[in-house]
Amino acid sequence: MKNQNKGQIRIIEAFLAVLIIFSAFAVSANLTVSQKETRHNELAALGLQTLMKLDSDGNLSCLIDSGDWFSLREALKLALPSGVVFNLTVYNEQMQQVNTEVISNGAFSSQDIAFIEYLCTSENPVFRCYILHLYLGVAS
């Protein structure tokens, strides 16, 4: 009787071990997906806060009106953390590109890229509206 039960217990033990391994894979796959979504949402929030901070005192619209793309790039470099890569494109109200230079601090090597669209208005007597497209990624 004991010899017959030994084989059945080994089969049940092997089945439970396989079940534990597959459940660990299933749980770990769900954890990595949720971390990527959180990182994407954090990047989008960071980009929006950065643009709002630069626009709070009217500095953003002044830089765009004057066409000072170098200073705008440097302001974004200072406002964003060092591991974040950005690319900014400025459009007018007819969706024509305004910036004549690339406003970026490097190439995107990550596939986790956040997109932020921001509306900026000029404080000059002549009303101007700008649409900013900001792409953010994490440098690898």
Protein backbone atom coordinates (compact mmCIF):
# COMPACT_ATOMS: atom_id res chain seq x y z
CA MET A 1 0.00 0.00 0.00
CA LYS A 2 2.83 2.42 0.81
CA ASN A 3 4.64 1.89 -2.47
CA GLN A 4 1.53 2.82 -4.47
CA ASN A 5 0.96 6.05 -2.49
CA LYS A 6 4.56 7.23 -2.98
CA GLY A 7 4.08 7.76 -6.73
CA GLN A 8 0.80 9.61 -6.31
CA ILE A 9 2.26 12.01 -3.76
CA ARG A 10 5.20 12.80 -6.09
CA ILE A 11 2.79 13.58 -8.92
CA ILE A 12 0.74 15.89 -6.67
CA GLU A 13 3.96 17.55 -5.45
CA ALA A 14 5.15 18.16 -9.02
CA PHE A 15 1.72 19.55 -9.99
CA LEU A 16 1.76 21.99 -7.06
CA ALA A 17 5.30 23.12 -7.92
CA VAL A 18 4.28 23.84 -11.53
CA LEU A 19 1.19 25.70 -10.29
CA ILE A 20 3.30 27.89 -7.99
CA ILE A 21 5.80 28.71 -10.76
CA PHE A 22 3.10 29.69 -13.27
CA SER A 23 1.23 31.80 -10.71
CA ALA A 24 4.49 33.64 -9.92
CA PHE A 25 4.93 34.42 -13.64
CA ALA A 26 1.34 35.66 -13.89
CA VAL A 27 1.70 37.95 -10.88
CA SER A 28 5.05 39.38 -11.99
CA ALA A 29 3.71 40.13 -15.51
CA ASN A 30 0.88 42.20 -14.01
CA LEU A 31 3.28 44.13 -11.78
CA THR A 32 5.51 45.28 -14.65
CA VAL A 33 2.55 46.52 -16.69
CA SER A 34 1.21 48.62 -13.82
CA GLN A 35 4.65 50.17 -13.22
CA LYS A 36 4.90 51.25 -16.88
CA GLU A 37 1.48 52.90 -16.74
CA THR A 38 2.41 54.70 -13.53
CA ARG A 39 5.67 55.96 -15.08
CA HIS A 40 3.78 57.23 -18.13
CA ASN A 41 1.24 59.07 -15.95
CA GLU A 42 4.04 60.54 -13.81
CA LEU A 43 5.84 61.81 -16.93
CA ALA A 44 2.67 63.44 -18.26
CA ALA A 45 1.99 65.12 -14.91
CA LEU A 46 5.60 66.27 -14.66
CA GLY A 47 5.50 67.79 -18.15
CA LEU A 48 2.23 69.62 -17.52
CA GLN A 49 3.47 70.99 -14.19
CA THR A 50 6.71 72.16 -15.81
CA LEU A 51 4.92 74.03 -18.58
CA MET A 52 2.49 75.58 -16.10
CA LYS A 53 5.39 76.69 -13.89
CA LEU A 54 7.19 78.32 -16.84
CA ASP A 55 3.95 79.99 -17.94
CA SER A 56 2.87 81.18 -14.50
CA ASP A 57 4.89 84.41 -14.69
CA GLY A 58 4.49 84.92 -18.45
CA ASN A 59 8.05 83.86 -19.17
CA LEU A 60 7.00 81.07 -21.54
CA SER A 61 4.99 83.33 -23.85
CA CYS A 62 7.76 85.98 -23.82
CA LEU A 63 10.33 83.40 -24.93
CA ILE A 64 8.04 82.20 -27.71
CA ASP A 65 7.14 85.74 -28.86
CA SER A 66 10.81 86.71 -29.05
CA GLY A 67 11.80 83.44 -30.75
CA ASP A 68 14.45 82.75 -28.12
CA TRP A 69 14.51 78.97 -28.59
CA PHE A 70 17.87 78.53 -26.88
CA SER A 71 16.61 80.10 -23.64
CA LEU A 72 13.41 78.04 -23.84
CA ARG A 73 15.48 74.85 -24.22
CA GLU A 74 17.67 75.84 -21.27
CA ALA A 75 14.63 76.67 -19.11
CA LEU A 76 13.17 73.23 -19.82
CA LYS A 77 16.52 71.59 -19.04
CA LEU A 78 16.58 73.34 -15.66
CA ALA A 79 12.93 72.65 -14.83
CA LEU A 80 12.92 68.94 -15.72
CA PRO A 81 14.89 66.26 -13.86
CA SER A 82 18.20 65.20 -15.38
CA GLY A 83 17.02 61.75 -16.53
CA VAL A 84 14.13 63.09 -18.60
CA VAL A 85 14.48 63.63 -22.34
CA PHE A 86 12.18 66.19 -23.99
CA ASN A 87 11.19 67.48 -27.40
CA LEU A 88 9.02 70.60 -27.70
CA THR A 89 7.28 71.90 -30.80
CA VAL A 90 5.42 75.24 -30.83
CA TYR A 91 2.50 75.86 -33.19
CA ASN A 92 0.42 78.97 -33.86
CA GLU A 93 -3.39 79.02 -33.98
CA GLN A 94 -3.36 77.72 -37.59
CA MET A 95 -1.22 74.74 -36.46
CA GLN A 96 1.83 76.01 -38.33
CA GLN A 97 5.15 75.32 -36.64
CA VAL A 98 6.58 78.47 -35.06
CA ASN A 99 9.93 77.30 -33.73
CA THR A 100 12.72 77.44 -36.30
CA GLU A 101 15.16 75.43 -34.18
CA VAL A 102 14.86 72.06 -32.52
CA ILE A 103 13.91 72.41 -28.86
CA SER A 104 15.20 69.14 -27.45
CA ASN A 105 17.86 67.75 -25.13
CA GLY A 106 18.54 64.44 -26.88
CA ALA A 107 17.08 61.48 -28.70
CA PHE A 108 14.44 59.18 -27.28
CA SER A 109 15.82 55.73 -26.50
CA SER A 110 12.81 54.57 -24.51
CA GLN A 111 9.46 53.43 -25.80
CA ASP A 112 7.74 54.92 -22.76
CA ILE A 113 6.98 58.41 -24.09
CA ALA A 114 4.41 60.82 -22.67
CA PHE A 115 2.70 63.47 -24.79
CA ILE A 116 1.49 66.78 -23.35
CA GLU A 117 -0.47 69.40 -25.28
CA TYR A 118 -0.50 72.85 -23.68
CA LEU A 119 -2.19 76.08 -24.71
CA CYS A 120 -0.19 79.26 -24.11
CA THR A 121 -1.39 82.82 -24.75
CA SER A 122 0.73 85.90 -25.30
CA GLU A 123 0.59 88.83 -22.88
CA ASN A 124 1.35 91.35 -25.63
CA PRO A 125 -1.33 93.84 -26.77
CA VAL A 126 -1.72 91.68 -29.89
CA PHE A 127 -3.41 88.46 -28.80
CA ARG A 128 -1.53 85.36 -29.86
CA CYS A 129 -2.31 81.79 -29.03
CA TYR A 130 0.32 79.03 -29.13
CA ILE A 131 -0.17 75.28 -28.94
CA LEU A 132 2.78 73.45 -27.42
CA HIS A 133 3.43 69.75 -28.01
CA LEU A 134 5.84 68.37 -25.43
CA TYR A 135 7.13 64.80 -25.63
CA LEU A 136 8.86 63.37 -22.57
CA GLY A 137 10.79 60.14 -22.16
CA VAL A 138 13.09 58.55 -19.64
CA ALA A 139 16.74 58.37 -20.66
CA SER A 140 18.14 54.85 -20.55
